Amino acid sequence: MSSNPSLLDVPDQRVPVPRLGPIHVPKSSEVLASQLRVHILDGTIGDGAALPAERDLVTQTGLSRGSVREALRILHTEGLITTRPGRTGGSVARRPGDDALARYIGLFVQGRGISLMSLLQVREAIEPSIASLAAVNRTEDDLAELTAITKRIEDAYGDVPVYLAENVSWHVAIASASHNELLKAFITAISGLVFKASAIENFASEDVRTLVIKAHRRILEAIVAGDAEAAGRRMARHLAALTKQMRAFVSAPVVLR
């Protein structure tokens, strides 16, 4: 009797094939939008540079005109291109500015029904640190700008709309003097929203305006002196006082819409 095992007795050596999940292939318009986005953000396509015309993009990529238009629409929605109408128009690259972050934060705040108090708490949490950075990093041009805005606020004491607008400029100028672009963009967004709420609620009474002007002077003095600790402490005290005043002014939380 043969000792060789039968083929029927040999174990099956095949490795089970793993189950494959669905394969998602991106749309051609999304691929083109992604490539153009990378070139805009890394500066290969410079800020203000004209993109190729639609027909040229069709020729270069081999995509349909519909796909090219959809890709451009995506970039336009993201704020990365602007479109000029007319025969001599077209798409122009636009690198993100402070307004881009402000727009998205504004949508988030309105969509979630964030209260004014929450915004004021955000300012209390980050603006003292920004003031400290401004005291360390400010330039002579920054100081000149801050001094000019401080004077404009004081001159606008009796004109509330102008006073409120200049107050926003003052907080943005402090953030600009910190020379941290992300903080500046964030404060631009937050201050603009607080400005809208303050204007709507008529919060800027004479007493509040007087306190703000006095606080601004002291914060500016610390920044001019390069005293980071004093600038941060004075900004914290200033914003805490504003939040306290706002709580006393409104009977219910102000929801930004």
C-alpha atoms as a PDB file:
ATOM      1  CA  MET A   1       0.000   0.000   0.000  1.00  0.00           C
ATOM      2  CA  SER A   2       1.436   3.376  -0.964  1.00  0.00           C
ATOM      3  CA  SER A   3       2.404   5.757   1.840  1.00  0.00           C
ATOM      4  CA  ASN A   4       1.906   8.828  -0.336  1.00  0.00           C
ATOM      5  CA  PRO A   5      -1.052  10.855   0.893  1.00  0.00           C
ATOM      6  CA  SER A   6      -3.978  11.274  -1.376  1.00  0.00           C
ATOM      7  CA  LEU A   7      -4.531  14.736  -2.913  1.00  0.00           C
ATOM      8  CA  LEU A   8      -7.825  14.704  -1.104  1.00  0.00           C
ATOM      9  CA  ASP A   9      -5.957  14.577   2.215  1.00  0.00           C
ATOM     10  CA  VAL A  10      -3.744  17.682   1.553  1.00  0.00           C
ATOM     11  CA  PRO A  11      -4.954  20.725   3.536  1.00  0.00           C
ATOM     12  CA  ASP A  12      -6.236  23.656   1.487  1.00  0.00           C
ATOM     13  CA  GLN A  13      -3.340  26.168   1.400  1.00  0.00           C
ATOM     14  CA  ARG A  14      -5.300  29.028  -0.195  1.00  0.00           C
ATOM     15  CA  VAL A  15      -5.397  32.277   1.807  1.00  0.00           C
ATOM     16  CA  PRO A  16      -8.900  33.693   2.204  1.00  0.00           C
ATOM     17  CA  VAL A  17      -9.408  36.869   0.192  1.00  0.00           C
ATOM     18  CA  PRO A  18     -10.438  39.747   2.483  1.00  0.00           C
ATOM     19  CA  ARG A  19     -13.823  41.287   1.847  1.00  0.00           C
ATOM     20  CA  LEU A  20     -13.467  44.548  -0.072  1.00  0.00           C
ATOM     21  CA  GLY A  21     -15.498  47.562   0.876  1.00  0.00           C
ATOM     22  CA  PRO A  22     -16.992  50.138  -1.450  1.00  0.00           C
ATOM     23  CA  ILE A  23     -14.438  52.145  -3.426  1.00  0.00           C
ATOM     24  CA  HIS A  24     -15.197  55.839  -3.590  1.00  0.00           C
ATOM     25  CA  VAL A  25     -13.675  57.555  -6.585  1.00  0.00           C
ATOM     26  CA  PRO A  26     -13.616  61.368  -6.271  1.00  0.00           C
ATOM     27  CA  LYS A  27     -15.434  63.368  -8.898  1.00  0.00           C
ATOM     28  CA  SER A  28     -13.205  64.845 -11.568  1.00  0.00           C
ATOM     29  CA  SER A  29     -14.312  68.338 -10.570  1.00  0.00           C
ATOM     30  CA  GLU A  30     -13.139  67.724  -7.003  1.00  0.00           C
ATOM     31  CA  VAL A  31      -9.760  66.484  -8.250  1.00  0.00           C
ATOM     32  CA  LEU A  32      -9.275  69.617 -10.362  1.00  0.00           C
ATOM     33  CA  ALA A  33     -10.439  71.860  -7.504  1.00  0.00           C
ATOM     34  CA  SER A  34      -7.943  70.131  -5.190  1.00  0.00           C
ATOM     35  CA  GLN A  35      -5.038  70.681  -7.609  1.00  0.00           C
ATOM     36  CA  LEU A  36      -5.889  74.342  -8.144  1.00  0.00           C
ATOM     37  CA  ARG A  37      -6.399  74.828  -4.398  1.00  0.00           C
ATOM     38  CA  VAL A  38      -2.899  73.517  -3.653  1.00  0.00           C
ATOM     39  CA  HIS A  39      -1.362  75.837  -6.270  1.00  0.00           C
ATOM     40  CA  ILE A  40      -3.210  78.869  -4.892  1.00  0.00           C
ATOM     41  CA  LEU A  41      -2.353  78.162  -1.261  1.00  0.00           C
ATOM     42  CA  ASP A  42       1.343  77.421  -1.874  1.00  0.00           C
ATOM     43  CA  GLY A  43       1.726  80.503  -4.055  1.00  0.00           C
ATOM     44  CA  THR A  44       2.388  78.712  -7.337  1.00  0.00           C
ATOM     45  CA  ILE A  45      -0.637  80.629  -8.594  1.00  0.00           C
ATOM     46  CA  GLY A  46      -0.013  84.046  -7.080  1.00  0.00           C
ATOM     47  CA  ASP A  47      -2.569  86.155  -5.289  1.00  0.00           C
ATOM     48  CA  GLY A  48      -4.416  88.147  -7.959  1.00  0.00           C
ATOM     49  CA  ALA A  49      -3.178  85.964 -10.804  1.00  0.00           C
ATOM     50  CA  ALA A  50      -5.672  85.041 -13.502  1.00  0.00           C
ATOM     51  CA  LEU A  51      -6.487  81.352 -13.870  1.00  0.00           C
ATOM     52  CA  PRO A  52      -6.635  79.872 -17.367  1.00  0.00           C
ATOM     53  CA  ALA A  53      -9.943  80.388 -19.129  1.00  0.00           C
ATOM     54  CA  GLU A  54     -12.525  77.602 -18.897  1.00  0.00           C
ATOM     55  CA  ARG A  55     -11.841  76.408 -22.437  1.00  0.00           C
ATOM     56  CA  ASP A  56      -8.095  76.282 -21.726  1.00  0.00           C
ATOM     57  CA  LEU A  57      -8.675  74.254 -18.547  1.00  0.00           C
ATOM     58  CA  VAL A  58     -10.822  71.865 -20.576  1.00  0.00           C
ATOM     59  CA  THR A  59      -8.001  71.445 -23.086  1.00  0.00           C
ATOM     60  CA  GLN A  60      -5.294  71.081 -20.441  1.00  0.00           C
ATOM     61  CA  THR A  61      -7.121  68.581 -18.243  1.00  0.00           C
ATOM     62  CA  GLY A  62      -9.270  66.678 -20.723  1.00  0.00           C
ATOM     63  CA  LEU A  63     -12.277  67.211 -18.470  1.00  0.00           C
ATOM     64  CA  SER A  64     -15.700  68.287 -19.591  1.00  0.00           C
ATOM     65  CA  ARG A  65     -16.686  71.930 -19.442  1.00  0.00           C
ATOM     66  CA  GLY A  66     -19.240  71.043 -16.773  1.00  0.00           C
ATOM     67  CA  SER A  67     -16.552  69.502 -14.543  1.00  0.00           C
ATOM     68  CA  VAL A  68     -14.301  72.531 -14.975  1.00  0.00           C
ATOM     69  CA  ARG A  69     -17.136  74.886 -14.086  1.00  0.00           C
ATOM     70  CA  GLU A  70     -17.993  72.827 -11.009  1.00  0.00           C
ATOM     71  CA  ALA A  71     -14.345  72.932  -9.876  1.00  0.00           C
ATOM     72  CA  LEU A  72     -14.293  76.710 -10.226  1.00  0.00           C
ATOM     73  CA  ARG A  73     -17.597  76.950  -8.369  1.00  0.00           C
ATOM     74  CA  ILE A  74     -16.084  74.986  -5.458  1.00  0.00           C
ATOM     75  CA  LEU A  75     -13.105  77.326  -5.268  1.00  0.00           C
ATOM     76  CA  HIS A  76     -15.374  80.372  -5.497  1.00  0.00           C
ATOM     77  CA  THR A  77     -17.459  79.076  -2.592  1.00  0.00           C
ATOM     78  CA  GLU A  78     -14.269  78.599  -0.559  1.00  0.00           C
ATOM     79  CA  GLY A  79     -13.257  82.186  -1.302  1.00  0.00           C
ATOM     80  CA  LEU A  80     -10.103  81.111  -3.148  1.00  0.00           C
ATOM     81  CA  ILE A  81     -11.071  82.728  -6.451  1.00  0.00           C
ATOM     82  CA  THR A  82     -13.131  85.691  -7.546  1.00  0.00           C
ATOM     83  CA  THR A  83     -14.903  85.856 -10.876  1.00  0.00           C
ATOM     84  CA  ARG A  84     -14.907  88.848 -13.162  1.00  0.00           C
ATOM     85  CA  PRO A  85     -17.859  88.921 -15.587  1.00  0.00           C
ATOM     86  CA  GLY A  86     -17.710  89.891 -19.225  1.00  0.00           C
ATOM     87  CA  ARG A  87     -15.656  88.980 -22.269  1.00  0.00           C
ATOM     88  CA  THR A  88     -12.418  90.091 -20.601  1.00  0.00           C
ATOM     89  CA  GLY A  89     -13.351  88.499 -17.275  1.00  0.00           C
ATOM     90  CA  GLY A  90     -12.396  85.194 -15.754  1.00  0.00           C
ATOM     91  CA  SER A  91     -11.293  83.644 -12.482  1.00  0.00           C
ATOM     92  CA  VAL A  92      -8.655  85.318 -10.320  1.00  0.00           C
ATOM     93  CA  ALA A  93      -6.788  83.588  -7.481  1.00  0.00           C
ATOM     94  CA  ARG A  94      -7.332  84.951  -3.995  1.00  0.00           C
ATOM     95  CA  ARG A  95      -5.367  83.745  -0.999  1.00  0.00           C
ATOM     96  CA  PRO A  96      -7.354  83.591   2.269  1.00  0.00           C
ATOM     97  CA  GLY A  97      -7.554  86.851   4.189  1.00  0.00           C
ATOM     98  CA  ASP A  98      -8.853  87.774   7.635  1.00  0.00           C
ATOM     99  CA  ASP A  99     -12.346  88.062   6.170  1.00  0.00           C
ATOM    100  CA  ALA A 100     -12.336  84.344   5.266  1.00  0.00           C
ATOM    101  CA  LEU A 101     -12.029  83.247   8.893  1.00  0.00           C
ATOM    102  CA  ALA A 102     -14.446  85.964   9.963  1.00  0.00           C
ATOM    103  CA  ARG A 103     -17.035  84.686   7.495  1.00  0.00           C
ATOM    104  CA  TYR A 104     -16.855  81.088   8.705  1.00  0.00           C
ATOM    105  CA  ILE A 105     -16.797  82.022  12.389  1.00  0.00           C
ATOM    106  CA  GLY A 106     -19.809  84.246  11.752  1.00  0.00           C
ATOM    107  CA  LEU A 107     -21.674  81.357  10.162  1.00  0.00           C
ATOM    108  CA  PHE A 108     -20.763  79.082  13.072  1.00  0.00           C
ATOM    109  CA  VAL A 109     -21.869  81.640  15.672  1.00  0.00           C
ATOM    110  CA  GLN A 110     -25.168  82.315  13.925  1.00  0.00           C
ATOM    111  CA  GLY A 111     -25.832  78.652  13.122  1.00  0.00           C
ATOM    112  CA  ARG A 112     -25.255  77.561  16.714  1.00  0.00           C
ATOM    113  CA  GLY A 113     -27.001  80.531  18.280  1.00  0.00           C
ATOM    114  CA  ILE A 114     -23.909  81.507  20.271  1.00  0.00           C
ATOM    115  CA  SER A 115     -24.677  84.138  22.897  1.00  0.00           C
ATOM    116  CA  LEU A 116     -22.982  87.496  23.194  1.00  0.00           C
ATOM    117  CA  MET A 117     -21.805  86.474  26.654  1.00  0.00           C
ATOM    118  CA  SER A 118     -19.981  83.516  25.160  1.00  0.00           C
ATOM    119  CA  LEU A 119     -18.208  85.820  22.733  1.00  0.00           C
ATOM    120  CA  LEU A 120     -17.209  88.146  25.538  1.00  0.00           C
ATOM    121  CA  GLN A 121     -15.842  85.163  27.470  1.00  0.00           C
ATOM    122  CA  VAL A 122     -13.745  84.209  24.437  1.00  0.00           C
ATOM    123  CA  ARG A 123     -12.311  87.710  24.351  1.00  0.00           C
ATOM    124  CA  GLU A 124     -11.557  87.545  28.068  1.00  0.00           C
ATOM    125  CA  ALA A 125      -9.712  84.275  27.509  1.00  0.00           C
ATOM    126  CA  ILE A 126      -7.435  85.351  24.653  1.00  0.00           C
ATOM    127  CA  GLU A 127      -7.133  89.142  24.373  1.00  0.00           C
ATOM    128  CA  PRO A 128      -5.002  89.616  27.524  1.00  0.00           C
ATOM    129  CA  SER A 129      -2.409  87.297  25.975  1.00  0.00           C
ATOM    130  CA  ILE A 130      -2.650  89.228  22.712  1.00  0.00           C
ATOM    131  CA  ALA A 131      -2.040  92.497  24.537  1.00  0.00           C
ATOM    132  CA  SER A 132       1.017  90.959  26.190  1.00  0.00           C
ATOM    133  CA  LEU A 133       2.346  89.856  22.807  1.00  0.00           C
ATOM    134  CA  ALA A 134       1.701  93.325  21.411  1.00  0.00           C
ATOM    135  CA  ALA A 135       3.804  94.870  24.181  1.00  0.00           C
ATOM    136  CA  VAL A 136       6.698  92.603  23.184  1.00  0.00           C
ATOM    137  CA  ASN A 137       6.370  92.567  19.390  1.00  0.00           C
ATOM    138  CA  ARG A 138       4.974  96.019  18.483  1.00  0.00           C
ATOM    139  CA  THR A 139       6.820  98.241  16.056  1.00  0.00           C
ATOM    140  CA  GLU A 140       6.901 102.010  15.834  1.00  0.00           C
ATOM    141  CA  ASP A 141       4.334 101.819  13.022  1.00  0.00           C
ATOM    142  CA  ASP A 142       2.081  99.724  15.277  1.00  0.00           C
ATOM    143  CA  LEU A 143       2.333 102.307  18.059  1.00  0.00           C
ATOM    144  CA  ALA A 144       1.550 105.132  15.652  1.00  0.00           C
ATOM    145  CA  GLU A 145      -1.539 103.266  14.414  1.00  0.00           C
ATOM    146  CA  LEU A 146      -2.738 102.480  17.941  1.00  0.00           C
ATOM    147  CA  THR A 147      -2.201 106.072  19.059  1.00  0.00           C
ATOM    148  CA  ALA A 148      -4.148 107.392  16.060  1.00  0.00           C
ATOM    149  CA  ILE A 149      -7.064 104.998  16.616  1.00  0.00           C
ATOM    150  CA  THR A 150      -7.157 105.813  20.344  1.00  0.00           C
ATOM    151  CA  LYS A 151      -7.476 109.500  19.478  1.00  0.00           C
ATOM    152  CA  ARG A 152     -10.199 108.777  16.907  1.00  0.00           C
ATOM    153  CA  ILE A 153     -12.186 106.870  19.547  1.00  0.00           C
ATOM    154  CA  GLU A 154     -11.923 109.803  21.933  1.00  0.00           C
ATOM    155  CA  ASP A 155     -12.910 112.278  19.212  1.00  0.00           C
ATOM    156  CA  ALA A 156     -15.948 110.115  18.367  1.00  0.00           C
ATOM    157  CA  TYR A 157     -17.214 110.062  21.960  1.00  0.00           C
ATOM    158  CA  GLY A 158     -20.462 111.758  20.981  1.00  0.00           C
ATOM    159  CA  ASP A 159     -20.970 109.775  17.771  1.00  0.00           C
ATOM    160  CA  VAL A 160     -21.809 106.246  18.909  1.00  0.00           C
ATOM    161  CA  PRO A 161     -21.733 104.443  15.515  1.00  0.00           C
ATOM    162  CA  VAL A 162     -18.297 105.897  14.713  1.00  0.00           C
ATOM    163  CA  TYR A 163     -17.109 105.228  18.264  1.00  0.00           C
ATOM    164  CA  LEU A 164     -18.139 101.551  18.014  1.00  0.00           C
ATOM    165  CA  ALA A 165     -16.483 101.095  14.619  1.00  0.00           C
ATOM    166  CA  GLU A 166     -13.238 102.655  15.837  1.00  0.00           C
ATOM    167  CA  ASN A 167     -13.375 100.470  18.940  1.00  0.00           C
ATOM    168  CA  VAL A 168     -13.340  97.403  16.686  1.00  0.00           C
ATOM    169  CA  SER A 169     -10.362  98.872  14.816  1.00  0.00           C
ATOM    170  CA  TRP A 170      -8.551  99.379  18.122  1.00  0.00           C
ATOM    171  CA  HIS A 171      -8.877  95.740  19.183  1.00  0.00           C
ATOM    172  CA  VAL A 172      -7.828  94.552  15.724  1.00  0.00           C
ATOM    173  CA  ALA A 173      -4.838  96.910  15.844  1.00  0.00           C
ATOM    174  CA  ILE A 174      -3.760  95.388  19.175  1.00  0.00           C
ATOM    175  CA  ALA A 175      -3.922  91.942  17.584  1.00  0.00           C
ATOM    176  CA  SER A 176      -2.024  93.223  14.550  1.00  0.00           C
ATOM    177  CA  ALA A 177       0.694  94.558  16.852  1.00  0.00           C
ATOM    178  CA  SER A 178       1.086  91.055  18.299  1.00  0.00           C
ATOM    179  CA  HIS A 179       2.308  89.998  14.816  1.00  0.00           C
ATOM    180  CA  ASN A 180       0.432  86.717  15.048  1.00  0.00           C
ATOM    181  CA  GLU A 181      -1.655  86.422  11.890  1.00  0.00           C
ATOM    182  CA  LEU A 182      -4.010  83.757  13.245  1.00  0.00           C
ATOM    183  CA  LEU A 183      -4.801  85.739  16.377  1.00  0.00           C
ATOM    184  CA  LYS A 184      -5.385  88.860  14.301  1.00  0.00           C
ATOM    185  CA  ALA A 185      -7.805  87.029  11.991  1.00  0.00           C
ATOM    186  CA  PHE A 186      -9.661  85.520  14.951  1.00  0.00           C
ATOM    187  CA  ILE A 187      -9.998  88.835  16.778  1.00  0.00           C
ATOM    188  CA  THR A 188     -11.182  90.486  13.559  1.00  0.00           C
ATOM    189  CA  ALA A 189     -14.032  87.972  13.446  1.00  0.00           C
ATOM    190  CA  ILE A 190     -14.938  88.126  17.131  1.00  0.00           C
ATOM    191  CA  SER A 191     -14.722  91.924  17.423  1.00  0.00           C
ATOM    192  CA  GLY A 192     -16.935  92.373  14.386  1.00  0.00           C
ATOM    193  CA  LEU A 193     -19.617  90.177  15.925  1.00  0.00           C
ATOM    194  CA  VAL A 194     -19.414  91.984  19.269  1.00  0.00           C
ATOM    195  CA  PHE A 195     -19.682  95.288  17.393  1.00  0.00           C
ATOM    196  CA  LYS A 196     -22.930  94.188  15.736  1.00  0.00           C
ATOM    197  CA  ALA A 197     -24.426  93.050  19.038  1.00  0.00           C
ATOM    198  CA  SER A 198     -23.342  96.203  20.881  1.00  0.00           C
ATOM    199  CA  ALA A 199     -24.822  98.407  18.194  1.00  0.00           C
ATOM    200  CA  ILE A 200     -28.111  96.510  18.173  1.00  0.00           C
ATOM    201  CA  GLU A 201     -28.452  96.530  21.938  1.00  0.00           C
ATOM    202  CA  ASN A 202     -27.382 100.200  22.270  1.00  0.00           C
ATOM    203  CA  PHE A 203     -24.979  99.091  24.957  1.00  0.00           C
ATOM    204  CA  ALA A 204     -22.439 101.917  24.565  1.00  0.00           C
ATOM    205  CA  SER A 205     -23.813 104.351  27.120  1.00  0.00           C
ATOM    206  CA  GLU A 206     -21.835 107.455  28.141  1.00  0.00           C
ATOM    207  CA  ASP A 207     -20.588 105.681  31.276  1.00  0.00           C
ATOM    208  CA  VAL A 208     -19.404 102.667  29.278  1.00  0.00           C
ATOM    209  CA  ARG A 209     -17.691 104.863  26.673  1.00  0.00           C
ATOM    210  CA  THR A 210     -15.887 106.801  29.401  1.00  0.00           C
ATOM    211  CA  LEU A 211     -14.644 103.599  31.051  1.00  0.00           C
ATOM    212  CA  VAL A 212     -13.517 102.160  27.710  1.00  0.00           C
ATOM    213  CA  ILE A 213     -11.531 105.256  26.759  1.00  0.00           C
ATOM    214  CA  LYS A 214      -9.799 105.300  30.132  1.00  0.00           C
ATOM    215  CA  ALA A 215      -8.964 101.580  29.898  1.00  0.00           C
ATOM    216  CA  HIS A 216      -7.651 101.959  26.346  1.00  0.00           C
ATOM    217  CA  ARG A 217      -5.255 104.689  27.443  1.00  0.00           C
ATOM    218  CA  ARG A 218      -3.820 102.525  30.227  1.00  0.00           C
ATOM    219  CA  ILE A 219      -3.444  99.485  27.993  1.00  0.00           C
ATOM    220  CA  LEU A 220      -1.736 101.580  25.317  1.00  0.00           C
ATOM    221  CA  GLU A 221       0.648 103.039  27.924  1.00  0.00           C
ATOM    222  CA  ALA A 222       1.718  99.506  28.895  1.00  0.00           C
ATOM    223  CA  ILE A 223       2.214  98.487  25.259  1.00  0.00           C
ATOM    224  CA  VAL A 224       4.262 101.627  24.556  1.00  0.00           C
ATOM    225  CA  ALA A 225       6.400 100.838  27.618  1.00  0.00           C
ATOM    226  CA  GLY A 226       6.871  97.255  26.429  1.00  0.00           C
ATOM    227  CA  ASP A 227       5.398  95.976  29.702  1.00  0.00           C
ATOM    228  CA  ALA A 228       3.788  92.673  28.702  1.00  0.00           C
ATOM    229  CA  GLU A 229       2.610  91.808  32.205  1.00  0.00           C
ATOM    230  CA  ALA A 230       0.849  95.155  32.707  1.00  0.00           C
ATOM    231  CA  ALA A 231      -0.666  95.115  29.210  1.00  0.00           C
ATOM    232  CA  GLY A 232      -2.168  91.682  29.769  1.00  0.00           C
ATOM    233  CA  ARG A 233      -3.415  92.515  33.246  1.00  0.00           C
ATOM    234  CA  ARG A 234      -5.022  95.775  32.156  1.00  0.00           C
ATOM    235  CA  MET A 235      -6.675  94.160  29.146  1.00  0.00           C
ATOM    236  CA  ALA A 236      -8.069  91.412  31.380  1.00  0.00           C
ATOM    237  CA  ARG A 237      -9.473  93.995  33.790  1.00  0.00           C
ATOM    238  CA  HIS A 238     -10.951  96.022  30.931  1.00  0.00           C
ATOM    239  CA  LEU A 239     -12.758  93.059  29.344  1.00  0.00           C
ATOM    240  CA  ALA A 240     -13.993  91.735  32.688  1.00  0.00           C
ATOM    241  CA  ALA A 241     -15.551  95.141  33.382  1.00  0.00           C
ATOM    242  CA  LEU A 242     -17.228  95.160  29.962  1.00  0.00           C
ATOM    243  CA  THR A 243     -18.689  91.705  30.518  1.00  0.00           C
ATOM    244  CA  LYS A 244     -19.990  92.764  33.919  1.00  0.00           C
ATOM    245  CA  GLN A 245     -21.581  95.871  32.408  1.00  0.00           C
ATOM    246  CA  MET A 246     -23.198  93.808  29.658  1.00  0.00           C
ATOM    247  CA  ARG A 247     -24.663  91.338  32.158  1.00  0.00           C
ATOM    248  CA  ALA A 248     -26.227  94.222  34.059  1.00  0.00           C
ATOM    249  CA  PHE A 249     -27.500  95.824  30.862  1.00  0.00           C
ATOM    250  CA  VAL A 250     -29.407  92.885  29.414  1.00  0.00           C
ATOM    251  CA  SER A 251     -32.040  90.874  31.246  1.00  0.00           C
ATOM    252  CA  ALA A 252     -31.552  87.755  29.104  1.00  0.00           C
ATOM    253  CA  PRO A 253     -28.631  86.328  27.110  1.00  0.00           C
ATOM    254  CA  VAL A 254     -28.249  88.051  23.761  1.00  0.00           C
ATOM    255  CA  VAL A 255     -28.165  85.390  21.044  1.00  0.00           C
ATOM    256  CA  LEU A 256     -26.411  86.461  17.861  1.00  0.00           C
ATOM    257  CA  ARG A 257     -28.416  85.778  14.703  1.00  0.00           C
END
